[in-house]
Every structure is written in C-alpha cells, then in structure tokens.
Amino acid sequence: MISEDGKKTFIQHVVVPSQKEIESLILGRKKALLFEKYVGSSSG
C-alpha cells in the first residue's frame, strides 16, 4: 500500500483475489503453522 494510483492501475492488469479469498488464505496459513507447531512439538 505504497501508492494508491500505482496500485489501482496495476490491479487492472492482474486478477485480484477477493477479500474473502485472501482472508481464507491467511487463515489456512495460520492453521497450517499452528498444526505444524503442535504436531512438531508433540512428536519430539
């Protein structure tokens, strides 16, 4: 989020994921990290 104008013109040429898609991606990443933490620590 450095320059709004530059970003807006750039976005027109790229398929931008919706807010929900981004949120689900972030959630999935967090869940995977937590899962790795618990599984990794419990398995030694």
N, C-alpha and C. Protein backbone atom coordinates (compact mmCIF):
# COMPACT_ATOMS: atom_id res chain seq x y z
N MET A 1 0.85 -1.20 0.00
CA MET A 1 0.00 0.00 0.00
C MET A 1 0.89 1.24 0.00
N ILE A 2 1.78 1.34 -0.96
CA ILE A 2 2.67 2.50 -1.02
C ILE A 2 2.00 3.62 -1.80
N SER A 3 1.60 3.34 -3.03
CA SER A 3 0.93 4.38 -3.82
C SER A 3 -0.40 3.87 -4.33
N GLU A 4 -1.46 4.58 -4.00
CA GLU A 4 -2.80 4.17 -4.41
C GLU A 4 -2.94 4.17 -5.93
N ASP A 5 -2.51 5.25 -6.57
CA ASP A 5 -2.63 5.35 -8.03
C ASP A 5 -1.90 4.21 -8.72
N GLY A 6 -0.66 4.02 -8.36
CA GLY A 6 0.13 2.96 -8.99
C GLY A 6 -0.51 1.60 -8.79
N LYS A 7 -1.04 1.39 -7.60
CA LYS A 7 -1.66 0.11 -7.28
C LYS A 7 -2.92 -0.09 -8.13
N LYS A 8 -3.75 0.94 -8.21
CA LYS A 8 -5.01 0.81 -8.94
C LYS A 8 -4.76 0.50 -10.42
N THR A 9 -3.81 1.19 -11.04
CA THR A 9 -3.54 0.94 -12.45
C THR A 9 -2.93 -0.44 -12.64
N PHE A 10 -2.15 -0.89 -11.68
CA PHE A 10 -1.51 -2.20 -11.77
C PHE A 10 -2.54 -3.30 -11.62
N ILE A 11 -3.49 -3.10 -10.70
CA ILE A 11 -4.51 -4.11 -10.42
C ILE A 11 -5.35 -4.42 -11.66
N GLN A 12 -5.57 -3.44 -12.51
CA GLN A 12 -6.41 -3.65 -13.69
C GLN A 12 -5.84 -4.75 -14.59
N HIS A 13 -4.54 -4.97 -14.54
CA HIS A 13 -3.92 -5.97 -15.42
C HIS A 13 -3.76 -7.32 -14.74
N VAL A 14 -4.18 -7.40 -13.48
CA VAL A 14 -3.98 -8.64 -12.72
C VAL A 14 -5.31 -9.11 -12.14
N VAL A 15 -5.48 -10.41 -12.07
CA VAL A 15 -6.68 -10.95 -11.43
C VAL A 15 -6.48 -10.88 -9.93
N VAL A 16 -7.28 -10.05 -9.29
CA VAL A 16 -7.10 -9.83 -7.85
C VAL A 16 -8.07 -10.70 -7.07
N PRO A 17 -7.56 -11.49 -6.12
CA PRO A 17 -8.45 -12.29 -5.28
C PRO A 17 -9.30 -11.41 -4.40
N SER A 18 -10.51 -11.86 -4.13
CA SER A 18 -11.42 -11.08 -3.29
C SER A 18 -10.94 -11.08 -1.85
N GLN A 19 -11.52 -10.18 -1.05
CA GLN A 19 -11.12 -10.08 0.36
C GLN A 19 -11.32 -11.41 1.07
N LYS A 20 -12.43 -12.09 0.76
CA LYS A 20 -12.71 -13.37 1.43
C LYS A 20 -11.67 -14.41 1.05
N GLU A 21 -11.27 -14.43 -0.21
CA GLU A 21 -10.25 -15.39 -0.64
C GLU A 21 -8.94 -15.16 0.10
N ILE A 22 -8.58 -13.87 0.22
CA ILE A 22 -7.34 -13.52 0.92
C ILE A 22 -7.44 -13.94 2.38
N GLU A 23 -8.59 -13.65 3.00
CA GLU A 23 -8.77 -14.00 4.42
C GLU A 23 -8.66 -15.50 4.62
N SER A 24 -9.30 -16.27 3.73
CA SER A 24 -9.26 -17.72 3.88
C SER A 24 -7.83 -18.24 3.68
N LEU A 25 -7.09 -17.60 2.76
CA LEU A 25 -5.70 -17.99 2.55
C LEU A 25 -4.88 -17.76 3.81
N ILE A 26 -5.06 -16.57 4.40
CA ILE A 26 -4.31 -16.23 5.62
C ILE A 26 -4.69 -17.18 6.75
N LEU A 27 -6.00 -17.45 6.87
CA LEU A 27 -6.46 -18.36 7.92
C LEU A 27 -5.85 -19.74 7.72
N GLY A 28 -5.88 -20.22 6.49
CA GLY A 28 -5.32 -21.53 6.19
C GLY A 28 -3.84 -21.59 6.54
N ARG A 29 -3.13 -20.50 6.24
CA ARG A 29 -1.71 -20.46 6.53
C ARG A 29 -1.47 -20.51 8.04
N LYS A 30 -2.28 -19.74 8.77
CA LYS A 30 -2.14 -19.71 10.23
C LYS A 30 -2.44 -21.09 10.81
N LYS A 31 -3.50 -21.72 10.32
CA LYS A 31 -3.86 -23.05 10.81
C LYS A 31 -2.73 -24.04 10.54
N ALA A 32 -2.15 -23.96 9.35
CA ALA A 32 -1.06 -24.88 8.99
C ALA A 32 0.13 -24.66 9.92
N LEU A 33 0.43 -23.39 10.21
CA LEU A 33 1.56 -23.09 11.10
C LEU A 33 1.29 -23.63 12.49
N LEU A 34 0.09 -23.39 13.01
CA LEU A 34 -0.27 -23.90 14.34
C LEU A 34 -0.19 -25.42 14.36
N PHE A 35 -0.73 -26.05 13.32
CA PHE A 35 -0.73 -27.51 13.22
C PHE A 35 0.71 -28.03 13.26
N GLU A 36 1.59 -27.40 12.47
CA GLU A 36 2.99 -27.81 12.45
C GLU A 36 3.61 -27.67 13.83
N LYS A 37 3.30 -26.56 14.49
CA LYS A 37 3.86 -26.31 15.84
C LYS A 37 3.46 -27.45 16.78
N TYR A 38 2.15 -27.74 16.84
CA TYR A 38 1.67 -28.75 17.78
C TYR A 38 2.17 -30.14 17.41
N VAL A 39 2.05 -30.49 16.15
CA VAL A 39 2.47 -31.82 15.72
C VAL A 39 3.98 -31.97 15.88
N GLY A 40 4.72 -30.92 15.49
CA GLY A 40 6.18 -30.98 15.60
C GLY A 40 6.63 -31.13 17.03
N SER A 41 6.00 -30.38 17.95
CA SER A 41 6.43 -30.42 19.36
C SER A 41 6.00 -31.73 20.02
N SER A 42 4.84 -32.25 19.65
CA SER A 42 4.34 -33.47 20.29
C SER A 42 5.11 -34.70 19.79
N SER A 43 5.58 -34.66 18.55
CA SER A 43 6.30 -35.81 18.01
C SER A 43 7.78 -35.76 18.40
N GLY A 44 8.23 -34.66 19.02
CA GLY A 44 9.58 -34.58 19.50
C GLY A 44 10.43 -33.67 18.66
